[in-house]
Amino acid sequence: MTLLRQRMIEDMQLRGLSPGTQAAYVRAVRDLAVYYGKSPDQLSDEDLRGYFVYLTQERRLARSTCTVALCAIKFLYEYTLKQDWPLLALVRPGKTKKLPVVLSTAEVQHILGCVYQPHYRVCLNLIYACGLRISEGVGLQVKDVDSSRMQLLIRSGKGNKDRCVPLPEPILVQLRQFWLTHRHAVYVFPKRHRGGAVPGATGAMLTTSVGRAFRAARADSGVRKAATVHSLRHSWATHLLEAGVPLQLIQQWMGHSSPRTTALYTHLSQQVEASALDKLSQLLSGVL
């Protein structure tokens, strides 16, 4: 590891960035160094400008990918190298407004029913039933399952925030039954090898493995939507809204800082929209 990378990692830790953000920033800065074949602290403003032209015009990367690269390089220059970068005002990926993929309850059932390996099936069931991000589901620790209050404590979620989410009884039963297959002292889903869970594993199961299992199940299920594991979280929130759960409570469970973020699901709920149209029709019937 180079001294510059080590210093950047330490700066990110001091700033309280989550491990996932740290890893993404390190990858983005590494890609920049590989592209030019030299350390980022030796690059000029023109080099950086050329790199973002390459990302946006030649590779045509998604806005989210370019934004990660921009934030990572900005962090490197402003906090680690303590250099001004005037180009930052110019490099701003265009905003897009895309609605996330949402599965119906039947589609969720079809996909999860095609996950045959217990460790993946229970993990994906948990992610949907509790509205978790994939890293939160995979990294769940035994101590954070509160069966007395029927809650999960999600530690250091996005934004480095803790939150509690409700734990449905069927999922608690599945978690207990699965834990008995390995009895790991720390992780509900410890690292695995071909023979099963690693008894002395110091980490959790890989998120990439869970993602592959979901994609395989989606293909087997016949569901044609371009859903990912994260679509389970979007679907959970939409299904709760359709079931009449208040938006403010869904916001709290999801860990959203702004209600505007959670309000997105009102645009995804067919039942909410249909109800609103019925009310609008009733209102107009007395006027028109």
C-alpha atoms as a PDB file:
ATOM      1  CA  MET A   1       0.000   0.000   0.000  1.00  0.00           C
ATOM      2  CA  THR A   2       1.385   3.407  -0.961  1.00  0.00           C
ATOM      3  CA  LEU A   3       1.805   6.129   1.623  1.00  0.00           C
ATOM      4  CA  LEU A   4      -0.724   8.310  -0.214  1.00  0.00           C
ATOM      5  CA  ARG A   5      -3.371   5.578  -0.126  1.00  0.00           C
ATOM      6  CA  GLN A   6      -2.714   4.902   3.555  1.00  0.00           C
ATOM      7  CA  ARG A   7      -2.995   8.618   4.352  1.00  0.00           C
ATOM      8  CA  MET A   8      -6.266   8.895   2.416  1.00  0.00           C
ATOM      9  CA  ILE A   9      -7.725   5.873   4.231  1.00  0.00           C
ATOM     10  CA  GLU A  10      -6.767   7.376   7.578  1.00  0.00           C
ATOM     11  CA  ASP A  11      -8.343  10.710   6.559  1.00  0.00           C
ATOM     12  CA  MET A  12     -11.561   8.932   5.582  1.00  0.00           C
ATOM     13  CA  GLN A  13     -11.610   7.126   8.911  1.00  0.00           C
ATOM     14  CA  LEU A  14     -11.128  10.410  10.758  1.00  0.00           C
ATOM     15  CA  ARG A  15     -14.011  11.933   8.765  1.00  0.00           C
ATOM     16  CA  GLY A  16     -16.252   9.021   9.757  1.00  0.00           C
ATOM     17  CA  LEU A  17     -16.892   7.652   6.271  1.00  0.00           C
ATOM     18  CA  SER A  18     -18.453   4.196   6.209  1.00  0.00           C
ATOM     19  CA  PRO A  19     -16.300   1.185   5.226  1.00  0.00           C
ATOM     20  CA  GLY A  20     -18.274   0.832   1.990  1.00  0.00           C
ATOM     21  CA  THR A  21     -17.655   4.463   1.047  1.00  0.00           C
ATOM     22  CA  GLN A  22     -13.982   4.129   1.899  1.00  0.00           C
ATOM     23  CA  ALA A  23     -13.631   1.086  -0.350  1.00  0.00           C
ATOM     24  CA  ALA A  24     -15.457   2.826  -3.216  1.00  0.00           C
ATOM     25  CA  TYR A  25     -13.254   5.937  -2.912  1.00  0.00           C
ATOM     26  CA  VAL A  26     -10.054   3.878  -2.854  1.00  0.00           C
ATOM     27  CA  ARG A  27     -11.138   2.017  -6.005  1.00  0.00           C
ATOM     28  CA  ALA A  28     -11.993   5.266  -7.783  1.00  0.00           C
ATOM     29  CA  VAL A  29      -8.628   6.868  -6.986  1.00  0.00           C
ATOM     30  CA  ARG A  30      -6.811   3.651  -7.923  1.00  0.00           C
ATOM     31  CA  ASP A  31      -8.573   3.666 -11.317  1.00  0.00           C
ATOM     32  CA  LEU A  32      -7.376   7.239 -11.868  1.00  0.00           C
ATOM     33  CA  ALA A  33      -3.778   6.259 -11.040  1.00  0.00           C
ATOM     34  CA  VAL A  34      -3.932   3.207 -13.324  1.00  0.00           C
ATOM     35  CA  TYR A  35      -5.323   5.283 -16.205  1.00  0.00           C
ATOM     36  CA  TYR A  36      -2.346   7.643 -16.167  1.00  0.00           C
ATOM     37  CA  GLY A  37       0.214   5.202 -14.804  1.00  0.00           C
ATOM     38  CA  LYS A  38       1.357   7.544 -12.060  1.00  0.00           C
ATOM     39  CA  SER A  39       0.436   8.750  -8.604  1.00  0.00           C
ATOM     40  CA  PRO A  40      -2.578  11.105  -8.436  1.00  0.00           C
ATOM     41  CA  ASP A  41      -0.496  13.730  -6.615  1.00  0.00           C
ATOM     42  CA  GLN A  42       1.524  14.122  -9.822  1.00  0.00           C
ATOM     43  CA  LEU A  43      -1.465  14.914 -12.026  1.00  0.00           C
ATOM     44  CA  SER A  44      -2.351  18.333 -13.391  1.00  0.00           C
ATOM     45  CA  ASP A  45      -5.752  19.988 -13.702  1.00  0.00           C
ATOM     46  CA  GLU A  46      -5.649  19.157 -17.402  1.00  0.00           C
ATOM     47  CA  ASP A  47      -5.054  15.488 -16.576  1.00  0.00           C
ATOM     48  CA  LEU A  48      -8.081  15.440 -14.302  1.00  0.00           C
ATOM     49  CA  ARG A  49     -10.204  17.188 -16.889  1.00  0.00           C
ATOM     50  CA  GLY A  50      -9.168  14.624 -19.487  1.00  0.00           C
ATOM     51  CA  TYR A  51     -10.012  11.770 -17.143  1.00  0.00           C
ATOM     52  CA  PHE A  52     -13.590  12.924 -16.632  1.00  0.00           C
ATOM     53  CA  VAL A  53     -13.988  13.475 -20.361  1.00  0.00           C
ATOM     54  CA  TYR A  54     -12.874   9.854 -20.739  1.00  0.00           C
ATOM     55  CA  LEU A  55     -15.352   8.600 -18.117  1.00  0.00           C
ATOM     56  CA  THR A  56     -18.337  10.525 -19.445  1.00  0.00           C
ATOM     57  CA  GLN A  57     -17.748  10.626 -23.200  1.00  0.00           C
ATOM     58  CA  GLU A  58     -15.741   7.498 -24.028  1.00  0.00           C
ATOM     59  CA  ARG A  59     -16.797   5.009 -21.374  1.00  0.00           C
ATOM     60  CA  ARG A  60     -20.207   6.651 -20.929  1.00  0.00           C
ATOM     61  CA  LEU A  61     -20.437   5.531 -17.335  1.00  0.00           C
ATOM     62  CA  ALA A  62     -23.606   5.970 -15.340  1.00  0.00           C
ATOM     63  CA  ARG A  63     -24.085   9.212 -13.441  1.00  0.00           C
ATOM     64  CA  SER A  64     -23.767   7.403 -10.111  1.00  0.00           C
ATOM     65  CA  THR A  65     -20.387   5.911 -11.079  1.00  0.00           C
ATOM     66  CA  CYS A  66     -19.060   9.281 -12.242  1.00  0.00           C
ATOM     67  CA  THR A  67     -20.331  10.903  -9.049  1.00  0.00           C
ATOM     68  CA  VAL A  68     -18.421   8.387  -6.897  1.00  0.00           C
ATOM     69  CA  ALA A  69     -15.258   9.092  -8.904  1.00  0.00           C
ATOM     70  CA  LEU A  70     -15.791  12.829  -8.514  1.00  0.00           C
ATOM     71  CA  CYS A  71     -16.385  12.633  -4.751  1.00  0.00           C
ATOM     72  CA  ALA A  72     -13.404  10.335  -4.249  1.00  0.00           C
ATOM     73  CA  ILE A  73     -10.995  12.564  -6.170  1.00  0.00           C
ATOM     74  CA  LYS A  74     -12.414  15.652  -4.499  1.00  0.00           C
ATOM     75  CA  PHE A  75     -11.808  14.065  -1.099  1.00  0.00           C
ATOM     76  CA  LEU A  76      -8.243  13.150  -2.062  1.00  0.00           C
ATOM     77  CA  TYR A  77      -7.376  16.670  -3.191  1.00  0.00           C
ATOM     78  CA  GLU A  78      -9.225  18.663  -0.556  1.00  0.00           C
ATOM     79  CA  TYR A  79      -8.545  16.600   2.571  1.00  0.00           C
ATOM     80  CA  THR A  80      -5.457  14.478   1.910  1.00  0.00           C
ATOM     81  CA  LEU A  81      -3.429  16.606  -0.511  1.00  0.00           C
ATOM     82  CA  LYS A  82      -4.939  19.893   0.716  1.00  0.00           C
ATOM     83  CA  GLN A  83      -4.970  21.303  -2.799  1.00  0.00           C
ATOM     84  CA  ASP A  84      -7.553  23.445  -4.553  1.00  0.00           C
ATOM     85  CA  TRP A  85      -9.141  21.964  -7.647  1.00  0.00           C
ATOM     86  CA  PRO A  86     -10.972  24.687  -9.617  1.00  0.00           C
ATOM     87  CA  LEU A  87     -12.226  22.113 -12.107  1.00  0.00           C
ATOM     88  CA  LEU A  88     -14.667  20.759  -9.497  1.00  0.00           C
ATOM     89  CA  ALA A  89     -17.144  23.516 -10.352  1.00  0.00           C
ATOM     90  CA  LEU A  90     -17.166  22.323 -13.970  1.00  0.00           C
ATOM     91  CA  VAL A  91     -17.269  18.567 -13.483  1.00  0.00           C
ATOM     92  CA  ARG A  92     -20.818  17.777 -12.436  1.00  0.00           C
ATOM     93  CA  PRO A  93     -22.536  14.701 -13.883  1.00  0.00           C
ATOM     94  CA  GLY A  94     -26.010  15.564 -15.161  1.00  0.00           C
ATOM     95  CA  LYS A  95     -28.923  14.709 -12.908  1.00  0.00           C
ATOM     96  CA  THR A  96     -31.241  11.895 -13.868  1.00  0.00           C
ATOM     97  CA  LYS A  97     -34.639  10.998 -12.469  1.00  0.00           C
ATOM     98  CA  LYS A  98     -35.054   7.254 -12.651  1.00  0.00           C
ATOM     99  CA  LEU A  99     -37.556   5.334 -10.581  1.00  0.00           C
ATOM    100  CA  PRO A 100     -36.219   2.162  -8.973  1.00  0.00           C
ATOM    101  CA  VAL A 101     -37.410  -1.290  -9.965  1.00  0.00           C
ATOM    102  CA  VAL A 102     -40.212  -2.522  -7.719  1.00  0.00           C
ATOM    103  CA  LEU A 103     -41.392  -6.122  -7.626  1.00  0.00           C
ATOM    104  CA  SER A 104     -44.910  -7.220  -6.803  1.00  0.00           C
ATOM    105  CA  THR A 105     -45.388  -9.507  -3.818  1.00  0.00           C
ATOM    106  CA  ALA A 106     -45.950 -12.399  -6.237  1.00  0.00           C
ATOM    107  CA  GLU A 107     -42.694 -11.622  -8.066  1.00  0.00           C
ATOM    108  CA  VAL A 108     -40.782 -11.467  -4.783  1.00  0.00           C
ATOM    109  CA  GLN A 109     -42.238 -14.842  -3.850  1.00  0.00           C
ATOM    110  CA  HIS A 110     -41.287 -16.342  -7.222  1.00  0.00           C
ATOM    111  CA  ILE A 111     -37.687 -15.119  -7.036  1.00  0.00           C
ATOM    112  CA  LEU A 112     -37.046 -16.037  -3.405  1.00  0.00           C
ATOM    113  CA  GLY A 113     -38.639 -19.413  -4.045  1.00  0.00           C
ATOM    114  CA  CYS A 114     -35.884 -20.108  -6.569  1.00  0.00           C
ATOM    115  CA  VAL A 115     -33.067 -19.565  -4.033  1.00  0.00           C
ATOM    116  CA  TYR A 116     -32.158 -23.094  -2.997  1.00  0.00           C
ATOM    117  CA  GLN A 117     -29.043 -22.732  -0.827  1.00  0.00           C
ATOM    118  CA  PRO A 118     -30.145 -22.038   2.774  1.00  0.00           C
ATOM    119  CA  HIS A 119     -27.545 -19.367   3.569  1.00  0.00           C
ATOM    120  CA  TYR A 120     -28.545 -17.304   0.541  1.00  0.00           C
ATOM    121  CA  ARG A 121     -32.273 -17.961   0.935  1.00  0.00           C
ATOM    122  CA  VAL A 122     -32.418 -16.910   4.593  1.00  0.00           C
ATOM    123  CA  CYS A 123     -30.258 -13.846   3.944  1.00  0.00           C
ATOM    124  CA  LEU A 124     -32.413 -12.672   1.018  1.00  0.00           C
ATOM    125  CA  ASN A 125     -35.598 -13.392   2.966  1.00  0.00           C
ATOM    126  CA  LEU A 126     -34.210 -11.222   5.771  1.00  0.00           C
ATOM    127  CA  ILE A 127     -33.290  -8.400   3.392  1.00  0.00           C
ATOM    128  CA  TYR A 128     -36.827  -8.280   2.001  1.00  0.00           C
ATOM    129  CA  ALA A 129     -38.678  -8.819   5.289  1.00  0.00           C
ATOM    130  CA  CYS A 130     -36.762  -6.037   7.073  1.00  0.00           C
ATOM    131  CA  GLY A 131     -36.057  -3.660   4.180  1.00  0.00           C
ATOM    132  CA  LEU A 132     -32.278  -3.917   4.514  1.00  0.00           C
ATOM    133  CA  ARG A 133     -29.429  -2.980   2.248  1.00  0.00           C
ATOM    134  CA  ILE A 134     -27.404  -5.990   1.132  1.00  0.00           C
ATOM    135  CA  SER A 135     -24.429  -5.047   3.335  1.00  0.00           C
ATOM    136  CA  GLU A 136     -26.737  -4.708   6.353  1.00  0.00           C
ATOM    137  CA  GLY A 137     -28.262  -8.129   5.804  1.00  0.00           C
ATOM    138  CA  VAL A 138     -25.009  -9.957   5.151  1.00  0.00           C
ATOM    139  CA  GLY A 139     -23.208  -8.239   8.028  1.00  0.00           C
ATOM    140  CA  LEU A 140     -25.902  -8.830  10.649  1.00  0.00           C
ATOM    141  CA  GLN A 141     -24.422  -9.870  13.992  1.00  0.00           C
ATOM    142  CA  VAL A 142     -25.978 -12.247  16.507  1.00  0.00           C
ATOM    143  CA  LYS A 143     -25.969  -9.610  19.262  1.00  0.00           C
ATOM    144  CA  ASP A 144     -28.086  -7.284  17.116  1.00  0.00           C
ATOM    145  CA  VAL A 145     -31.060  -9.657  16.948  1.00  0.00           C
ATOM    146  CA  ASP A 146     -33.359  -8.564  19.783  1.00  0.00           C
ATOM    147  CA  SER A 147     -35.984 -11.291  20.064  1.00  0.00           C
ATOM    148  CA  SER A 148     -37.517  -9.818  23.216  1.00  0.00           C
ATOM    149  CA  ARG A 149     -38.464  -6.604  21.418  1.00  0.00           C
ATOM    150  CA  MET A 150     -38.720  -8.252  17.975  1.00  0.00           C
ATOM    151  CA  GLN A 151     -36.268  -5.798  16.478  1.00  0.00           C
ATOM    152  CA  LEU A 152     -32.981  -5.740  14.596  1.00  0.00           C
ATOM    153  CA  LEU A 153     -30.343  -3.159  15.447  1.00  0.00           C
ATOM    154  CA  ILE A 154     -28.685  -2.025  12.241  1.00  0.00           C
ATOM    155  CA  ARG A 155     -25.298  -0.593  13.111  1.00  0.00           C
ATOM    156  CA  SER A 156     -23.480   2.017  11.019  1.00  0.00           C
ATOM    157  CA  GLY A 157     -25.904   2.022   8.126  1.00  0.00           C
ATOM    158  CA  LYS A 158     -25.686   4.516   5.293  1.00  0.00           C
ATOM    159  CA  GLY A 159     -24.498   7.831   6.687  1.00  0.00           C
ATOM    160  CA  ASN A 160     -22.901   5.907   9.570  1.00  0.00           C
ATOM    161  CA  LYS A 161     -26.241   5.888  11.422  1.00  0.00           C
ATOM    162  CA  ASP A 162     -27.713   3.221  13.688  1.00  0.00           C
ATOM    163  CA  ARG A 163     -31.403   2.367  13.470  1.00  0.00           C
ATOM    164  CA  CYS A 164     -33.889  -0.259  14.621  1.00  0.00           C
ATOM    165  CA  VAL A 165     -36.209  -2.142  12.285  1.00  0.00           C
ATOM    166  CA  PRO A 166     -39.073  -4.519  13.131  1.00  0.00           C
ATOM    167  CA  LEU A 167     -38.307  -8.236  13.029  1.00  0.00           C
ATOM    168  CA  PRO A 168     -41.226 -10.386  11.806  1.00  0.00           C
ATOM    169  CA  GLU A 169     -41.724 -13.661  13.676  1.00  0.00           C
ATOM    170  CA  PRO A 170     -41.241 -15.926  10.594  1.00  0.00           C
ATOM    171  CA  ILE A 171     -37.830 -14.374   9.936  1.00  0.00           C
ATOM    172  CA  LEU A 172     -36.768 -14.773  13.552  1.00  0.00           C
ATOM    173  CA  VAL A 173     -37.606 -18.480  13.278  1.00  0.00           C
ATOM    174  CA  GLN A 174     -35.550 -18.779  10.062  1.00  0.00           C
ATOM    175  CA  LEU A 175     -32.585 -16.937  11.596  1.00  0.00           C
ATOM    176  CA  ARG A 176     -32.578 -19.220  14.639  1.00  0.00           C
ATOM    177  CA  GLN A 177     -32.798 -22.382  12.556  1.00  0.00           C
ATOM    178  CA  PHE A 178     -30.032 -21.232  10.239  1.00  0.00           C
ATOM    179  CA  TRP A 179     -27.746 -20.123  13.089  1.00  0.00           C
ATOM    180  CA  LEU A 180     -27.959 -23.615  14.574  1.00  0.00           C
ATOM    181  CA  THR A 181     -26.237 -24.961  11.441  1.00  0.00           C
ATOM    182  CA  HIS A 182     -23.009 -23.099  12.264  1.00  0.00           C
ATOM    183  CA  ARG A 183     -23.337 -21.491  15.761  1.00  0.00           C
ATOM    184  CA  HIS A 184     -20.887 -18.716  14.951  1.00  0.00           C
ATOM    185  CA  ALA A 185     -20.358 -16.467  17.959  1.00  0.00           C
ATOM    186  CA  VAL A 186     -20.501 -13.190  16.027  1.00  0.00           C
ATOM    187  CA  TYR A 187     -22.077 -13.388  12.580  1.00  0.00           C
ATOM    188  CA  VAL A 188     -25.464 -14.702  11.539  1.00  0.00           C
ATOM    189  CA  PHE A 189     -24.020 -15.233   8.035  1.00  0.00           C
ATOM    190  CA  PRO A 190     -20.297 -15.964   8.505  1.00  0.00           C
ATOM    191  CA  LYS A 191     -17.848 -16.447   5.639  1.00  0.00           C
ATOM    192  CA  ARG A 192     -18.180 -19.714   3.812  1.00  0.00           C
ATOM    193  CA  HIS A 193     -16.160 -22.154   1.776  1.00  0.00           C
ATOM    194  CA  ARG A 194     -17.395 -25.064  -0.275  1.00  0.00           C
ATOM    195  CA  GLY A 195     -17.850 -27.208   2.785  1.00  0.00           C
ATOM    196  CA  GLY A 196     -20.045 -24.665   4.565  1.00  0.00           C
ATOM    197  CA  ALA A 197     -19.568 -21.850   7.059  1.00  0.00           C
ATOM    198  CA  VAL A 198     -16.080 -21.237   8.409  1.00  0.00           C
ATOM    199  CA  PRO A 199     -16.278 -21.806  12.216  1.00  0.00           C
ATOM    200  CA  GLY A 200     -13.575 -19.283  13.041  1.00  0.00           C
ATOM    201  CA  ALA A 201     -14.481 -16.792  10.325  1.00  0.00           C
ATOM    202  CA  THR A 202     -13.527 -13.219  11.168  1.00  0.00           C
ATOM    203  CA  GLY A 203     -15.938 -11.727   8.659  1.00  0.00           C
ATOM    204  CA  ALA A 204     -19.334 -12.104   7.084  1.00  0.00           C
ATOM    205  CA  MET A 205     -20.426 -13.778   3.878  1.00  0.00           C
ATOM    206  CA  LEU A 206     -19.576 -11.861   0.688  1.00  0.00           C
ATOM    207  CA  THR A 207     -22.191  -9.491  -0.711  1.00  0.00           C
ATOM    208  CA  THR A 208     -21.091 -10.406  -4.245  1.00  0.00           C
ATOM    209  CA  SER A 209     -22.037 -14.036  -3.619  1.00  0.00           C
ATOM    210  CA  VAL A 210     -25.503 -13.015  -2.428  1.00  0.00           C
ATOM    211  CA  GLY A 211     -25.899 -10.839  -5.515  1.00  0.00           C
ATOM    212  CA  ARG A 212     -25.015 -13.738  -7.813  1.00  0.00           C
ATOM    213  CA  ALA A 213     -27.491 -16.005  -6.021  1.00  0.00           C
ATOM    214  CA  PHE A 214     -30.242 -13.413  -6.477  1.00  0.00           C
ATOM    215  CA  ARG A 215     -29.518 -12.965 -10.196  1.00  0.00           C
ATOM    216  CA  ALA A 216     -29.585 -16.728 -10.728  1.00  0.00           C
ATOM    217  CA  ALA A 217     -32.893 -17.009  -8.867  1.00  0.00           C
ATOM    218  CA  ARG A 218     -34.397 -14.144 -10.849  1.00  0.00           C
ATOM    219  CA  ALA A 219     -33.424 -15.877 -14.104  1.00  0.00           C
ATOM    220  CA  ASP A 220     -34.891 -19.187 -12.923  1.00  0.00           C
ATOM    221  CA  SER A 221     -38.105 -17.519 -11.742  1.00  0.00           C
ATOM    222  CA  GLY A 222     -38.958 -16.064 -15.131  1.00  0.00           C
ATOM    223  CA  VAL A 223     -39.346 -12.531 -13.723  1.00  0.00           C
ATOM    224  CA  ARG A 224     -38.259 -10.198 -16.511  1.00  0.00           C
ATOM    225  CA  LYS A 225     -37.722  -7.013 -14.506  1.00  0.00           C
ATOM    226  CA  ALA A 226     -34.114  -5.829 -14.130  1.00  0.00           C
ATOM    227  CA  ALA A 227     -34.272  -6.310 -10.375  1.00  0.00           C
ATOM    228  CA  THR A 228     -31.283  -6.498  -8.034  1.00  0.00           C
ATOM    229  CA  VAL A 229     -30.995  -7.348  -4.361  1.00  0.00           C
ATOM    230  CA  HIS A 230     -31.604  -3.660  -3.594  1.00  0.00           C
ATOM    231  CA  SER A 231     -34.946  -3.944  -5.401  1.00  0.00           C
ATOM    232  CA  LEU A 232     -36.126  -6.044  -2.450  1.00  0.00           C
ATOM    233  CA  ARG A 233     -35.696  -2.995  -0.190  1.00  0.00           C
ATOM    234  CA  HIS A 234     -37.596  -0.749  -2.625  1.00  0.00           C
ATOM    235  CA  SER A 235     -40.328  -3.373  -2.933  1.00  0.00           C
ATOM    236  CA  TRP A 236     -40.603  -3.734   0.855  1.00  0.00           C
ATOM    237  CA  ALA A 237     -41.131   0.003   1.287  1.00  0.00           C
ATOM    238  CA  THR A 238     -43.708   0.138  -1.503  1.00  0.00           C
ATOM    239  CA  HIS A 239     -45.599  -2.856  -0.135  1.00  0.00           C
ATOM    240  CA  LEU A 240     -45.679  -1.319   3.349  1.00  0.00           C
ATOM    241  CA  LEU A 241     -47.065   1.925   1.939  1.00  0.00           C
ATOM    242  CA  GLU A 242     -49.748   0.031   0.042  1.00  0.00           C
ATOM    243  CA  ALA A 243     -50.632  -1.808   3.253  1.00  0.00           C
ATOM    244  CA  GLY A 244     -51.327   1.507   4.963  1.00  0.00           C
ATOM    245  CA  VAL A 245     -48.138   1.936   7.014  1.00  0.00           C
ATOM    246  CA  PRO A 246     -47.523   5.704   7.523  1.00  0.00           C
ATOM    247  CA  LEU A 247     -44.792   7.201   5.354  1.00  0.00           C
ATOM    248  CA  GLN A 248     -43.071   8.710   8.408  1.00  0.00           C
ATOM    249  CA  LEU A 249     -42.669   5.269   9.982  1.00  0.00           C
ATOM    250  CA  ILE A 250     -41.303   3.798   6.758  1.00  0.00           C
ATOM    251  CA  GLN A 251     -38.822   6.679   6.648  1.00  0.00           C
ATOM    252  CA  GLN A 252     -37.676   5.860  10.180  1.00  0.00           C
ATOM    253  CA  TRP A 253     -37.272   2.160   9.445  1.00  0.00           C
ATOM    254  CA  MET A 254     -35.337   2.838   6.241  1.00  0.00           C
ATOM    255  CA  GLY A 255     -33.019   5.316   7.926  1.00  0.00           C
ATOM    256  CA  HIS A 256     -33.773   8.157   5.519  1.00  0.00           C
ATOM    257  CA  SER A 257     -32.772  11.608   6.726  1.00  0.00           C
ATOM    258  CA  SER A 258     -35.295  13.398   4.539  1.00  0.00           C
ATOM    259  CA  PRO A 259     -38.980  12.532   4.040  1.00  0.00           C
ATOM    260  CA  ARG A 260     -38.536  13.514   0.394  1.00  0.00           C
ATOM    261  CA  THR A 261     -36.406  10.419  -0.131  1.00  0.00           C
ATOM    262  CA  THR A 262     -39.090   8.136   1.245  1.00  0.00           C
ATOM    263  CA  ALA A 263     -41.836  10.016  -0.617  1.00  0.00           C
ATOM    264  CA  LEU A 264     -40.450   8.462  -3.797  1.00  0.00           C
ATOM    265  CA  TYR A 265     -42.436   5.335  -2.977  1.00  0.00           C
ATOM    266  CA  THR A 266     -45.725   7.175  -3.355  1.00  0.00           C
ATOM    267  CA  HIS A 267     -44.894   7.335  -7.073  1.00  0.00           C
ATOM    268  CA  LEU A 268     -44.293   3.584  -7.160  1.00  0.00           C
ATOM    269  CA  SER A 269     -47.444   2.448  -5.390  1.00  0.00           C
ATOM    270  CA  GLN A 270     -50.307   1.610  -7.729  1.00  0.00           C
ATOM    271  CA  GLN A 271     -52.746   1.238  -4.835  1.00  0.00           C
ATOM    272  CA  VAL A 272     -51.898   4.653  -3.394  1.00  0.00           C
ATOM    273  CA  GLU A 273     -52.246   6.249  -6.817  1.00  0.00           C
ATOM    274  CA  ALA A 274     -55.563   4.492  -7.445  1.00  0.00           C
ATOM    275  CA  SER A 275     -56.858   5.622  -4.044  1.00  0.00           C
ATOM    276  CA  ALA A 276     -55.817   9.193  -4.781  1.00  0.00           C
ATOM    277  CA  LEU A 277     -57.595   9.098  -8.146  1.00  0.00           C
ATOM    278  CA  ASP A 278     -60.762   7.796  -6.489  1.00  0.00           C
ATOM    279  CA  LYS A 279     -60.671  10.642  -3.978  1.00  0.00           C
ATOM    280  CA  LEU A 280     -60.044  13.150  -6.773  1.00  0.00           C
ATOM    281  CA  SER A 281     -63.021  11.790  -8.717  1.00  0.00           C
ATOM    282  CA  GLN A 282     -65.243  12.054  -5.641  1.00  0.00           C
ATOM    283  CA  LEU A 283     -64.128  15.651  -5.132  1.00  0.00           C
ATOM    284  CA  LEU A 284     -64.795  16.623  -8.724  1.00  0.00           C
ATOM    285  CA  SER A 285     -68.178  14.901  -8.768  1.00  0.00           C
ATOM    286  CA  GLY A 286     -69.470  17.567  -6.433  1.00  0.00           C
ATOM    287  CA  VAL A 287     -67.982  20.392  -8.456  1.00  0.00           C
ATOM    288  CA  LEU A 288     -68.239  19.496 -12.146  1.00  0.00           C
END
